[in-house]
Amino acid sequence: MYLQVNNHETYCYTAGKSLDATKPTVVFIHGVLNDHSVWILQSRYMANHGWNVLAIDLPGHCKSEGNAPASVEEAATFIAALLDAAGIEKAALVGHSWGSLIALDAASKLKERITQLVLIGTAFPMKVSSALLDASLNDPMAALKMINVFSRSTLAAPPSALGPGTWVYGSSMALGRRVLASNTKVNVFHRGFKACDDYANGELAISQVTCPVLFLLGAEDQMTQAKAANLLIEKAKNMGKTFKVVKVTVGHHQMTEAPEETLMAIKEFLQ
């Protein structure tokens, strides 16, 4: 479905379901050079088990109009506008990588309006190497190959991820090329990485979150190593926040490398 958010068409995958005010809502937020499709298993399951689902394309990405966010804070403000446009009073937020920072910042601002927060493949600070930043700007195809090597711990996904024998690397390369080509005005690859690299408000944000938090981390993640979430986890612990840490023995893209384990962790936490 499409929603008018900040006077722009925003695409939200709902798994073919209409929004129902009597049901709880979960918003899925993708990372750099991704779109709503990375959540295909998780979003379809939740939509068919009692939840409103809004798996979004961020502004300036694929099916969504508008300016691609240049900062985590700008994207978090968009999430608040999205909920207003959908007429949703409260929602859970699930974010991956860059999307996890967006979800974190949005939850810190929206307070009790966010019921649960799931941070997948998160880190703070989420610094990006200068070589990768430069490549994303000046040689995007080389950078795309780099991140798809670093992001994966397997070359073939389990049966529930798109289908038996799915070539994880090849399908991710195709997705990245499609997302990059979807915006001819700006380089969403470099803009997203720069937003991650610049974000400095993680500790403040986690201190202001009022809902339970799930840290869902990849034990073999080379992009955002599991230990890179420790600063946020320790801050949550020291402030007496309600949180849970789950580690899955895969790389950065838990949604396709461990789709069922990722889904079960999300489902159990949200329930």
Protein backbone atom coordinates (compact mmCIF):
# COMPACT_ATOMS: atom_id res chain seq x y z
CA MET A 1 0.00 0.00 0.00
CA TYR A 2 0.99 3.64 -0.39
CA LEU A 3 0.69 6.33 2.27
CA GLN A 4 1.10 10.07 1.86
CA VAL A 5 3.93 10.95 4.24
CA ASN A 6 5.29 14.50 4.22
CA ASN A 7 3.47 15.05 0.93
CA HIS A 8 5.23 12.12 -0.75
CA GLU A 9 4.08 8.65 -1.73
CA THR A 10 5.59 6.11 0.67
CA TYR A 11 5.45 2.40 -0.04
CA CYS A 12 4.57 0.08 2.83
CA TYR A 13 4.38 -3.68 2.31
CA THR A 14 1.47 -5.06 4.33
CA ALA A 15 1.43 -8.66 3.02
CA GLY A 16 -1.85 -7.87 1.31
CA LYS A 17 -3.64 -7.04 4.56
CA SER A 18 -5.63 -3.89 5.35
CA LEU A 19 -4.72 -1.92 8.46
CA ASP A 20 -6.95 -2.88 11.37
CA ALA A 21 -7.14 -0.49 14.34
CA THR A 22 -7.89 -3.42 16.68
CA LYS A 23 -4.55 -5.10 15.96
CA PRO A 24 -1.06 -4.22 17.19
CA THR A 25 1.32 -2.77 14.59
CA VAL A 26 4.94 -3.51 13.72
CA VAL A 27 7.08 -1.33 11.44
CA PHE A 28 10.06 -2.95 9.69
CA ILE A 29 12.93 -0.58 8.74
CA HIS A 30 15.60 -1.71 6.28
CA GLY A 31 19.29 -0.86 6.14
CA VAL A 32 21.58 0.74 3.57
CA LEU A 33 20.95 -0.26 -0.06
CA ASN A 34 18.02 -2.47 0.96
CA ASP A 35 14.23 -2.15 0.71
CA HIS A 36 11.09 -3.73 2.21
CA SER A 37 11.79 -7.07 0.52
CA VAL A 38 14.53 -8.06 2.98
CA TRP A 39 11.75 -8.69 5.54
CA ILE A 40 9.68 -10.97 3.32
CA LEU A 41 9.43 -13.98 5.66
CA GLN A 42 9.16 -12.01 8.91
CA SER A 43 6.62 -9.48 7.60
CA ARG A 44 4.36 -12.10 5.97
CA TYR A 45 4.31 -14.20 9.11
CA MET A 46 3.46 -11.32 11.42
CA ALA A 47 0.75 -10.06 9.04
CA ASN A 48 -0.87 -13.49 9.10
CA HIS A 49 -0.65 -13.88 12.86
CA GLY A 50 -2.54 -10.90 14.23
CA TRP A 51 -0.38 -7.88 13.41
CA ASN A 52 -0.61 -4.86 11.18
CA VAL A 53 2.63 -4.80 9.20
CA LEU A 54 4.31 -1.80 7.61
CA ALA A 55 7.53 -2.94 5.93
CA ILE A 56 8.64 0.31 4.38
CA ASP A 57 10.84 1.59 1.62
CA LEU A 58 12.60 4.59 3.14
CA PRO A 59 12.14 7.89 1.27
CA GLY A 60 14.08 8.05 -1.97
CA HIS A 61 14.43 4.27 -2.06
CA CYS A 62 12.75 2.06 -4.68
CA LYS A 63 8.96 2.59 -4.51
CA SER A 64 9.01 5.54 -2.08
CA GLU A 65 9.21 9.17 -3.16
CA GLY A 66 10.87 12.00 -1.28
CA ASN A 67 14.39 12.91 -0.31
CA ALA A 68 16.59 10.05 0.85
CA PRO A 69 17.43 10.73 4.53
CA ALA A 70 20.86 12.24 5.05
CA SER A 71 20.98 11.43 8.77
CA VAL A 72 19.61 8.95 11.27
CA GLU A 73 17.69 11.75 12.97
CA GLU A 74 16.02 12.80 9.71
CA ALA A 75 14.94 9.23 9.06
CA ALA A 76 13.63 8.88 12.63
CA THR A 77 11.48 11.97 12.14
CA PHE A 78 10.09 10.29 9.03
CA ILE A 79 9.03 7.27 11.12
CA ALA A 80 6.97 9.53 13.38
CA ALA A 81 5.32 11.09 10.32
CA LEU A 82 4.66 7.62 8.92
CA LEU A 83 2.75 6.57 12.04
CA ASP A 84 0.71 9.77 11.89
CA ALA A 85 -0.11 9.20 8.22
CA ALA A 86 -1.18 5.61 8.92
CA GLY A 87 -3.32 6.68 11.87
CA ILE A 88 -1.32 4.38 14.17
CA GLU A 89 -1.14 5.49 17.77
CA LYS A 90 1.36 2.86 18.97
CA ALA A 91 3.72 0.48 17.19
CA ALA A 92 6.68 -1.81 17.63
CA LEU A 93 9.79 -0.94 15.61
CA VAL A 94 12.11 -3.52 14.05
CA GLY A 95 15.24 -2.18 12.35
CA HIS A 96 18.24 -3.76 10.68
CA SER A 97 21.71 -2.17 10.58
CA TRP A 98 21.15 1.49 9.58
CA GLY A 99 17.48 0.79 10.18
CA SER A 100 18.31 -0.24 13.76
CA LEU A 101 19.78 3.21 14.43
CA ILE A 102 16.71 4.82 12.87
CA ALA A 103 14.42 2.68 15.03
CA LEU A 104 16.48 3.48 18.14
CA ASP A 105 16.39 7.22 17.53
CA ALA A 106 12.67 7.15 16.70
CA ALA A 107 11.90 5.18 19.87
CA SER A 108 13.85 7.69 21.96
CA LYS A 109 11.77 10.54 20.57
CA LEU A 110 8.36 8.82 20.50
CA LYS A 111 8.65 7.41 24.03
CA GLU A 112 5.50 5.47 25.08
CA ARG A 113 4.21 5.51 21.51
CA ILE A 114 6.69 2.68 20.79
CA THR A 115 5.70 -0.59 22.44
CA GLN A 116 8.80 -2.70 21.65
CA LEU A 117 12.13 -2.08 19.93
CA VAL A 118 14.07 -4.74 18.00
CA LEU A 119 17.63 -3.86 16.95
CA ILE A 120 19.05 -6.35 14.42
CA GLY A 121 22.71 -6.21 13.42
CA THR A 122 23.13 -3.04 15.43
CA ALA A 123 26.23 -1.23 16.64
CA PHE A 124 27.16 2.04 18.25
CA PRO A 125 29.11 3.83 17.13
CA MET A 126 28.39 2.39 13.67
CA LYS A 127 31.57 3.60 12.04
CA VAL A 128 32.18 2.85 8.35
CA SER A 129 35.77 2.47 7.11
CA SER A 130 37.09 5.35 5.04
CA ALA A 131 37.86 2.92 2.20
CA LEU A 132 34.27 1.69 2.11
CA LEU A 133 32.86 5.20 2.38
CA ASP A 134 35.02 6.33 -0.51
CA ALA A 135 34.14 3.29 -2.62
CA SER A 136 30.41 3.72 -2.00
CA LEU A 137 30.73 7.22 -3.46
CA ASN A 138 33.23 6.72 -6.27
CA ASP A 139 32.99 3.02 -7.16
CA PRO A 140 29.61 1.75 -5.91
CA MET A 141 29.82 -1.63 -7.65
CA ALA A 142 33.15 -2.40 -5.98
CA ALA A 143 31.70 -1.31 -2.62
CA LEU A 144 28.61 -3.44 -3.20
CA LYS A 145 30.82 -6.50 -3.72
CA MET A 146 32.75 -5.66 -0.56
CA ILE A 147 29.72 -5.43 1.69
CA ASN A 148 28.17 -8.59 0.28
CA VAL A 149 31.34 -10.50 1.11
CA PHE A 150 31.60 -9.02 4.60
CA SER A 151 27.87 -9.37 5.31
CA ARG A 152 27.55 -13.11 4.67
CA SER A 153 28.54 -16.24 6.54
CA THR A 154 26.92 -18.58 4.00
CA LEU A 155 26.53 -18.76 0.22
CA ALA A 156 23.28 -20.76 0.20
CA ALA A 157 20.27 -19.82 2.27
CA PRO A 158 18.05 -22.31 4.16
CA PRO A 159 14.80 -23.40 2.43
CA SER A 160 12.60 -20.74 4.02
CA ALA A 161 14.70 -17.89 2.59
CA LEU A 162 13.24 -17.31 -0.87
CA GLY A 163 13.58 -21.00 -1.78
CA PRO A 164 15.99 -23.96 -1.69
CA GLY A 165 19.37 -23.20 -3.26
CA THR A 166 18.89 -19.43 -3.25
CA TRP A 167 22.16 -17.69 -4.10
CA VAL A 168 22.36 -15.25 -1.22
CA TYR A 169 25.28 -13.30 -2.63
CA GLY A 170 23.82 -12.98 -6.12
CA SER A 171 20.35 -12.00 -4.96
CA SER A 172 21.79 -9.39 -2.61
CA MET A 173 23.95 -7.95 -5.37
CA ALA A 174 20.85 -7.66 -7.58
CA LEU A 175 18.90 -5.95 -4.79
CA GLY A 176 21.71 -3.48 -4.17
CA ARG A 177 21.94 -2.59 -7.86
CA ARG A 178 18.17 -2.07 -8.00
CA VAL A 179 18.07 0.17 -4.93
CA LEU A 180 21.01 2.25 -6.15
CA ALA A 181 19.41 2.69 -9.59
CA SER A 182 16.06 3.66 -8.08
CA ASN A 183 17.32 7.15 -7.17
CA THR A 184 19.09 9.12 -9.90
CA LYS A 185 19.28 12.32 -7.82
CA VAL A 186 21.54 11.14 -5.00
CA ASN A 187 23.77 8.19 -4.21
CA VAL A 188 21.69 6.44 -1.53
CA PHE A 189 24.55 4.01 -0.92
CA HIS A 190 27.00 6.68 0.23
CA ARG A 191 24.30 8.78 1.90
CA GLY A 192 23.17 5.87 4.05
CA PHE A 193 26.70 4.88 5.05
CA LYS A 194 27.54 8.50 5.87
CA ALA A 195 24.44 8.71 8.07
CA CYS A 196 25.58 5.62 9.99
CA ASP A 197 29.12 6.93 10.34
CA ASP A 198 27.96 10.36 11.54
CA TYR A 199 25.40 9.21 14.11
CA ALA A 200 26.56 10.23 17.59
CA ASN A 201 23.42 10.06 19.73
CA GLY A 202 23.19 6.32 20.44
CA GLU A 203 23.90 6.47 24.17
CA LEU A 204 21.48 9.34 24.70
CA ALA A 205 18.85 7.59 22.59
CA ILE A 206 19.01 4.27 24.47
CA SER A 207 18.78 6.18 27.76
CA GLN A 208 15.53 7.79 26.58
CA VAL A 209 13.85 4.63 25.29
CA THR A 210 10.92 3.63 27.49
CA CYS A 211 9.98 0.27 25.92
CA PRO A 212 11.58 -3.21 26.10
CA VAL A 213 14.51 -3.70 23.71
CA LEU A 214 15.71 -6.81 21.87
CA PHE A 215 19.29 -6.88 20.60
CA LEU A 216 19.33 -9.52 17.84
CA LEU A 217 22.94 -9.99 16.78
CA GLY A 218 24.93 -12.12 14.36
CA ALA A 219 27.72 -14.01 16.12
CA GLU A 220 29.69 -14.12 12.83
CA ASP A 221 28.78 -10.60 11.71
CA GLN A 222 31.76 -8.81 10.13
CA MET A 223 29.87 -5.61 9.24
CA THR A 224 28.55 -4.82 12.71
CA GLN A 225 30.31 -7.23 15.03
CA ALA A 226 28.21 -8.45 17.94
CA LYS A 227 30.61 -6.85 20.43
CA ALA A 228 29.96 -3.46 18.78
CA ALA A 229 26.53 -3.45 20.43
CA ASN A 230 28.04 -3.72 23.93
CA LEU A 231 28.03 0.02 24.58
CA LEU A 232 24.27 0.18 24.02
CA ILE A 233 23.68 -3.03 25.97
CA GLU A 234 25.72 -1.84 28.95
CA LYS A 235 23.95 1.53 28.91
CA ALA A 236 20.57 -0.23 28.92
CA LYS A 237 21.72 -2.50 31.74
CA ASN A 238 23.11 0.30 33.89
CA MET A 239 19.93 2.33 33.50
CA GLY A 240 17.69 -0.58 34.46
CA LYS A 241 16.07 -0.91 31.04
CA THR A 242 14.11 -4.03 30.12
CA PHE A 243 16.14 -5.73 27.40
CA LYS A 244 17.12 -9.08 25.94
CA VAL A 245 20.14 -10.17 23.89
CA VAL A 246 19.86 -12.98 21.32
CA LYS A 247 22.82 -14.10 19.20
CA VAL A 248 22.39 -16.15 16.05
CA THR A 249 25.37 -17.97 14.52
CA VAL A 250 25.27 -16.12 11.18
CA GLY A 251 26.56 -12.91 9.59
CA HIS A 252 25.01 -9.49 9.09
CA HIS A 253 21.87 -10.41 7.17
CA GLN A 254 20.08 -12.52 9.76
CA MET A 255 16.77 -12.20 7.89
CA THR A 256 17.98 -14.36 5.00
CA GLU A 257 20.82 -16.34 6.57
CA ALA A 258 18.79 -17.43 9.59
CA PRO A 259 15.21 -16.48 8.61
CA GLU A 260 13.39 -18.83 10.95
CA GLU A 261 15.57 -18.16 14.00
CA THR A 262 15.27 -14.42 13.36
CA LEU A 263 11.50 -14.67 12.96
CA MET A 264 11.08 -16.73 16.15
CA ALA A 265 13.18 -14.28 18.17
CA ILE A 266 11.12 -11.35 16.90
CA LYS A 267 7.80 -13.17 17.41
CA GLU A 268 8.59 -14.30 20.94
CA PHE A 269 9.80 -10.84 21.94
CA LEU A 270 6.81 -9.00 20.49
CA GLN A 271 4.37 -11.37 22.16
